Protein backbone atom coordinates (compact mmCIF):
# COMPACT_ATOMS: atom_id res chain seq x y z
CA UNK A 1 59.32 -37.98 157.62
CA UNK A 2 57.19 -35.06 156.50
CA UNK A 3 53.99 -34.94 157.77
CA UNK A 4 52.21 -35.54 154.57
CA UNK A 5 54.09 -38.67 154.13
CA UNK A 6 53.14 -40.52 157.23
CA UNK A 7 52.21 -43.95 156.11
CA UNK A 8 48.41 -45.17 154.97
CA UNK A 9 46.95 -48.05 154.32
CA UNK A 10 44.53 -47.08 151.35
CA UNK A 11 44.46 -44.68 148.37
CA UNK A 12 40.67 -44.17 147.89
CA UNK A 13 39.14 -42.40 144.85
CA UNK A 14 36.19 -42.94 143.02
CA UNK A 15 34.57 -46.41 141.43
CA UNK A 16 32.99 -46.81 137.77
CA UNK A 17 34.73 -45.15 134.98
CA UNK A 18 37.79 -43.25 135.29
CA UNK A 19 39.76 -40.27 133.68
CA UNK A 20 43.06 -38.99 133.13
CA UNK A 21 43.43 -37.11 136.47
CA UNK A 22 43.25 -39.81 139.04
CA UNK A 23 45.11 -42.23 137.17
CA UNK A 24 47.96 -40.08 137.30
CA UNK A 25 47.30 -38.99 141.02
CA UNK A 26 47.52 -43.00 141.66
CA UNK A 27 50.83 -43.27 139.54
CA UNK A 28 52.37 -40.61 142.16
CA UNK A 29 50.78 -42.05 145.19
CA UNK A 30 51.30 -45.71 144.68
CA UNK A 31 55.48 -44.82 144.21
CA UNK A 32 55.15 -42.59 147.82
CA UNK A 33 53.25 -45.33 149.27
CA UNK A 34 53.77 -48.71 147.91
CA UNK A 35 51.99 -51.05 150.52
CA UNK A 36 48.76 -48.80 150.44
CA UNK A 37 45.62 -50.65 148.77
CA UNK A 38 44.08 -48.55 146.12
CA UNK A 39 39.98 -48.64 146.82
CA UNK A 40 37.32 -47.35 144.22
CA UNK A 41 34.33 -46.58 146.20
CA UNK A 42 31.98 -43.74 146.44
CA UNK A 43 30.75 -45.50 149.83
CA UNK A 44 30.60 -42.76 152.40
CA UNK A 45 32.33 -44.89 154.96
CA UNK A 46 35.19 -45.06 152.17
CA UNK A 47 35.19 -41.43 151.25
CA UNK A 48 35.29 -39.76 154.65
CA UNK A 49 38.67 -38.36 155.93
CA UNK A 50 40.86 -40.59 158.18
CA UNK A 51 44.15 -41.18 159.38
CA UNK A 52 45.18 -44.14 157.54
CA UNK A 53 43.90 -42.59 153.90
CA UNK A 54 44.45 -40.59 150.85
CA UNK A 55 41.24 -39.74 149.40
CA UNK A 56 41.59 -37.60 146.24
CA UNK A 57 39.03 -36.92 143.11
CA UNK A 58 36.43 -37.96 145.39
CA UNK A 59 34.52 -36.66 148.60
CA UNK A 60 33.56 -33.03 147.79
CA UNK A 61 36.27 -31.32 150.01
CA UNK A 62 40.04 -30.14 149.58
CA UNK A 63 41.79 -29.99 152.61
CA UNK A 64 45.47 -31.27 152.64
CA UNK A 65 45.87 -31.48 156.34
CA UNK A 66 42.97 -34.06 156.72
CA UNK A 67 44.50 -35.73 152.98
CA UNK A 68 41.60 -35.24 150.80
CA UNK A 69 41.91 -33.83 147.46
CA UNK A 70 38.87 -33.42 145.55
CA UNK A 71 37.56 -30.29 143.08
CA UNK A 72 34.22 -30.77 142.10
CA UNK A 73 32.87 -29.33 144.83
CA UNK A 74 31.62 -25.59 144.72
CA UNK A 75 34.92 -22.91 145.40
CA UNK A 76 36.57 -25.65 143.83
CA UNK A 77 40.25 -24.94 144.35
CA UNK A 78 42.08 -23.12 141.86
CA UNK A 79 46.02 -22.39 140.46
CA UNK A 80 47.30 -19.05 142.02
CA UNK A 81 46.44 -17.73 138.01
CA UNK A 82 43.23 -18.48 138.52
CA UNK A 83 43.23 -21.47 136.01
CA UNK A 84 41.36 -24.87 137.50
CA UNK A 85 43.20 -27.59 139.55
CA UNK A 86 41.82 -31.32 138.79
CA UNK A 87 42.84 -34.15 141.25
CA UNK A 88 46.00 -34.66 139.30
CA UNK A 89 47.20 -30.80 139.88
CA UNK A 90 45.72 -30.92 143.64
CA UNK A 91 48.10 -34.18 144.13
CA UNK A 92 51.37 -32.76 142.35
CA UNK A 93 51.48 -29.58 144.17
CA UNK A 94 51.52 -31.63 147.19
CA UNK A 95 53.53 -34.86 146.44
CA UNK A 96 55.04 -33.54 143.14
CA UNK A 97 58.85 -33.11 144.68
CA UNK A 98 58.26 -36.03 146.94
CA UNK A 99 57.65 -37.96 143.91
CA UNK A 100 60.84 -36.78 142.02
CA UNK A 101 63.07 -37.49 144.98
CA UNK A 102 61.78 -41.27 144.76
CA UNK A 103 62.71 -40.67 141.48
CA UNK A 104 65.86 -40.04 141.88
CA UNK A 105 66.01 -36.65 140.85
CA UNK A 106 68.83 -34.68 142.12
CA UNK A 107 67.53 -31.85 144.67
CA UNK A 108 69.42 -29.28 142.41
CA UNK A 109 67.35 -29.73 139.13
CA UNK A 110 64.12 -30.63 141.53
CA UNK A 111 62.20 -27.05 141.85
CA UNK A 112 62.57 -26.73 137.63
CA UNK A 113 61.72 -30.29 136.92
CA UNK A 114 58.78 -29.77 139.23
CA UNK A 115 57.48 -26.65 137.66
CA UNK A 116 58.18 -27.80 134.14
CA UNK A 117 56.18 -31.13 134.40
CA UNK A 118 53.24 -29.21 136.12
CA UNK A 119 53.33 -26.61 133.22
CA UNK A 120 53.82 -29.03 130.21
CA UNK A 121 51.87 -32.47 131.70
CA UNK A 122 49.82 -31.68 134.80
CA UNK A 123 48.01 -28.61 133.73
CA UNK A 124 46.74 -29.91 130.40
CA UNK A 125 45.04 -32.74 132.31
CA UNK A 126 43.79 -30.47 134.69
CA UNK A 127 41.99 -28.17 132.22
CA UNK A 128 40.94 -31.44 129.97
CA UNK A 129 39.29 -32.75 133.14
CA UNK A 130 37.61 -29.96 134.09
CA UNK A 131 36.08 -28.28 130.47
CA UNK A 132 38.63 -25.90 129.91
CA UNK A 133 40.63 -27.55 127.26
CA UNK A 134 38.83 -29.65 124.62
CA UNK A 135 41.29 -32.65 123.38
CA UNK A 136 39.89 -30.67 119.62
CA UNK A 137 42.65 -28.16 120.54
CA UNK A 138 44.93 -30.40 119.14
CA UNK A 139 43.48 -30.20 115.59
CA UNK A 140 40.78 -33.18 114.32
CA UNK A 141 43.17 -35.66 112.98
CA UNK A 142 44.70 -35.45 116.68
CA UNK A 143 42.06 -35.00 119.23
CA UNK A 144 41.71 -38.62 119.81
CA UNK A 145 45.54 -39.26 120.26
CA UNK A 146 45.39 -36.59 123.16
CA UNK A 147 46.73 -38.43 126.54
CA UNK A 148 43.69 -37.85 128.23
CA UNK A 149 41.57 -39.18 125.52
CA UNK A 150 44.07 -42.70 125.15
CA UNK A 151 43.20 -42.94 129.04
CA UNK A 152 39.57 -43.07 128.61
CA UNK A 153 39.83 -45.11 125.63
CA UNK A 154 40.88 -48.00 128.26
CA UNK A 155 37.87 -47.74 130.04
CA UNK A 156 35.41 -51.05 129.47
CA UNK A 157 33.31 -50.60 126.19
CA UNK A 158 29.57 -50.06 127.04
CA UNK A 159 28.17 -53.55 126.95
CA UNK A 160 31.48 -55.23 129.11
CA UNK A 161 29.63 -54.96 132.43
CA UNK A 162 30.88 -58.10 134.18
CA UNK A 163 31.53 -58.17 137.96
CA UNK A 164 34.37 -55.57 138.36
CA UNK A 165 34.93 -54.43 134.69
CA UNK A 166 35.69 -51.02 135.61
CA UNK A 167 38.45 -51.85 138.30
CA UNK A 168 40.02 -54.26 136.17
CA UNK A 169 40.48 -51.72 133.23
CA UNK A 170 41.59 -49.13 135.83
CA UNK A 171 44.42 -51.30 137.43
CA UNK A 172 45.55 -52.00 133.75
CA UNK A 173 45.60 -48.36 132.50
CA UNK A 174 47.54 -47.38 135.93
CA UNK A 175 50.47 -49.08 134.61
CA UNK A 176 50.27 -47.41 131.13
CA UNK A 177 49.74 -43.91 132.85
CA UNK A 178 52.78 -44.71 134.91
CA UNK A 179 54.87 -45.40 131.87
CA UNK A 180 54.16 -42.04 130.69
CA UNK A 181 54.79 -40.22 133.84
CA UNK A 182 57.76 -41.88 134.40
CA UNK A 183 58.81 -41.50 131.12
CA UNK A 184 58.19 -37.69 131.06
CA UNK A 185 60.06 -37.35 134.62
CA UNK A 186 63.12 -39.42 133.32
CA UNK A 187 63.44 -37.18 130.07
CA UNK A 188 63.14 -33.67 132.13
CA UNK A 189 65.84 -34.92 134.17
CA UNK A 190 68.34 -36.13 131.06
CA UNK A 191 67.47 -32.87 129.62
CA UNK A 192 68.98 -31.50 132.81
CA UNK A 193 71.70 -33.53 132.81
CA UNK A 194 72.58 -32.43 129.00
CA UNK A 195 72.31 -29.13 129.80
CA UNK A 196 75.35 -29.03 132.13
CA UNK A 197 77.37 -30.99 129.99
CA UNK A 198 76.64 -28.51 127.27
CA UNK A 199 77.53 -25.68 129.08
CA UNK A 200 81.00 -27.10 129.94
CA UNK A 201 81.21 -28.04 126.17
CA UNK A 202 80.50 -24.68 124.92
CA UNK A 203 82.85 -23.20 127.73
CA UNK A 204 85.71 -25.63 126.37
CA UNK A 205 84.82 -24.73 122.41
CA UNK A 206 85.64 -20.76 123.11
CA UNK A 207 84.97 -19.36 119.86
CA UNK A 208 85.20 -22.20 117.43
CA UNK A 209 82.00 -22.41 115.55
CA UNK A 210 81.91 -26.09 116.34
CA UNK A 211 80.86 -27.55 119.35
CA UNK A 212 82.06 -31.13 120.30
CA UNK A 213 80.06 -33.47 122.57
CA UNK A 214 81.07 -36.80 124.44
CA UNK A 215 77.92 -38.50 122.71
CA UNK A 216 74.85 -37.51 121.63
CA UNK A 217 72.09 -35.79 123.71
CA UNK A 218 69.89 -32.76 123.53
CA UNK A 219 71.63 -29.60 123.37
CA UNK A 220 69.61 -26.84 121.18
CA UNK A 221 68.32 -25.51 124.29
CA UNK A 222 71.38 -25.17 126.45
CA UNK A 223 73.23 -23.71 123.29
CA UNK A 224 69.89 -20.97 123.56
CA UNK A 225 70.98 -20.60 127.05
CA UNK A 226 74.31 -20.11 126.70
CA UNK A 227 73.81 -17.34 123.98
CA UNK A 228 76.34 -19.25 121.87
CA UNK A 229 75.27 -17.82 118.66
CA UNK A 230 78.73 -18.62 117.13
CA UNK A 231 77.75 -22.36 117.13
CA UNK A 232 77.13 -23.72 113.82
CA UNK A 233 77.41 -27.60 113.83
CA UNK A 234 77.63 -30.15 116.82
CA UNK A 235 79.59 -33.43 116.51
CA UNK A 236 79.61 -36.44 118.92
CA UNK A 237 80.92 -39.84 118.59
CA UNK A 238 78.26 -42.96 117.72
CA UNK A 239 78.93 -46.60 118.29
CA UNK A 240 80.77 -47.30 115.71
CA UNK A 241 81.02 -44.00 114.11
CA UNK A 242 81.15 -40.00 114.22
CA UNK A 243 77.94 -37.76 113.34
CA UNK A 244 77.68 -33.65 112.67
CA UNK A 245 74.36 -32.14 112.84
CA UNK A 246 73.18 -28.56 112.27
CA UNK A 247 71.75 -26.07 114.80
CA UNK A 248 68.07 -25.81 114.31
CA UNK A 249 66.90 -22.16 114.49
CA UNK A 250 63.81 -23.19 116.83
CA UNK A 251 61.99 -25.89 118.41
CA UNK A 252 59.74 -26.58 115.43
CA UNK A 253 60.85 -27.12 111.60
CA UNK A 254 64.01 -27.88 110.64
CA UNK A 255 65.49 -24.50 109.12
CA UNK A 256 69.18 -24.97 110.44
CA UNK A 257 72.00 -21.73 111.05
CA UNK A 258 73.88 -23.45 108.56
CA UNK A 259 73.22 -26.66 106.41
CA UNK A 260 75.90 -28.91 105.32
CA UNK A 261 77.08 -28.38 101.80
CA UNK A 262 75.12 -28.61 98.82
CA UNK A 263 77.32 -30.97 97.20
CA UNK A 264 77.34 -33.80 99.77
CA UNK A 265 73.54 -33.88 99.58
CA UNK A 266 72.32 -37.57 99.55
CA UNK A 267 75.62 -38.85 98.64
CA UNK A 268 77.11 -41.96 100.52
CA UNK A 269 80.51 -43.67 100.31
CA UNK A 270 82.88 -43.29 98.28
CA UNK A 271 80.52 -40.48 96.15
CA UNK A 272 80.58 -38.62 99.32
CA UNK A 273 84.23 -39.12 99.72
CA UNK A 274 84.80 -37.84 96.47
CA UNK A 275 82.78 -34.81 96.52
CA UNK A 276 84.09 -33.71 100.22
CA UNK A 277 87.61 -34.71 99.86
CA UNK A 278 87.36 -36.37 103.13
CA UNK A 279 88.44 -40.10 103.68
CA UNK A 280 85.98 -41.60 105.62
CA UNK A 281 82.92 -39.41 105.21
CA UNK A 282 80.10 -42.25 104.44
CA UNK A 283 76.43 -40.50 104.63
CA UNK A 284 75.09 -36.87 104.13
CA UNK A 285 71.09 -36.85 104.69
CA UNK A 286 69.43 -35.41 101.32
CA UNK A 287 68.02 -32.35 103.87
CA UNK A 288 72.13 -31.51 104.69
CA UNK A 289 71.33 -31.43 108.43
CA UNK A 290 73.11 -34.31 109.53
CA UNK A 291 76.10 -36.79 108.18
CA UNK A 292 78.43 -39.37 109.57
CA UNK A 293 81.79 -40.07 109.26
CA UNK A 294 84.10 -43.29 110.02
CA UNK A 295 86.42 -41.56 112.66
CA UNK A 296 86.53 -38.09 114.72
CA UNK A 297 89.26 -36.67 112.56
CA UNK A 298 87.17 -37.46 109.76
CA UNK A 299 84.23 -35.79 110.73
CA UNK A 300 85.74 -32.60 112.14
CA UNK A 301 87.40 -32.59 108.29
CA UNK A 302 83.59 -32.29 107.26
CA UNK A 303 82.98 -29.76 109.93
CA UNK A 304 85.77 -27.36 108.89
CA UNK A 305 84.81 -27.61 105.22
CA UNK A 306 80.85 -27.14 106.21
CA UNK A 307 81.85 -24.03 108.36
CA UNK A 308 84.14 -22.52 105.64
CA UNK A 309 81.35 -22.86 103.34
CA UNK A 310 78.09 -21.33 105.62
CA UNK A 311 81.07 -18.27 106.14
CA UNK A 312 81.51 -17.92 102.97
CA UNK A 313 77.75 -17.77 101.41
CA UNK A 314 77.14 -15.79 104.90
CA UNK A 315 79.90 -13.01 103.49
CA UNK A 316 78.41 -13.32 100.43
CA UNK A 317 74.67 -12.39 101.22
CA UNK A 318 75.60 -9.58 103.24
CA UNK A 319 77.94 -8.35 100.55
């Protein structure tokens, strides 16, 4: 066992109101030390390092050897690029890889997912907690829906001062925080698995303009990574039918490398069969980025038609 994973009996953070950083830190630590008790206190006896505890977001010291991880003191710890840590960033830095192993993330994907989660999930919470990033950066309408703001909204209201109100609210919020963290990790791990499957399918497809996948999955990032600029459409089975979808040009927006034929837009069943000439064609979205057919043969026939039309349009545009 790694020295920093030596069993502890108590996970100590501050009492009173709470923020996203110690909630998210608690998610990580309670997964790794499930038998440990969370203590919310500012009592000197609790926030002083001891062999059987981890202290975070309180104590005004950062000393991994003593397992204390605060960021409120002078000369607070900074990331290598100079950006500030919160307790969440410190806990993730020291315990994140162990957490990913506990979540059954394959060792081969560990570093990539650790970095992705750090940059996309941990860092914004670090910056917000330190006042280096305002939720208002999300825009006036979305500011209150950012994760740090949503976590703080779970605090007791100002006139709920019953005994233990803050602690009860913290423990309830912890379960919600856990759901967000675990979902974010599961999704990143799934994207890594999907990438391997898409890369294999690209190799099998060769020069084909159509990529066939064994099921629906994230594919755009892998297509970009592979440099498969020749691909125009992706097909895959669903529970009871097959789907064809375009490939977006960018992560945001709906512009596709190629659209499905204009004549199919918004049609269903017999009308789509007539317009496409494909028996079993069942639906085409009005936006022309997805269509559905009953069978693999039907969806591949639709794909061939869509590719031929897209190539003809591209040739005409370049003439």
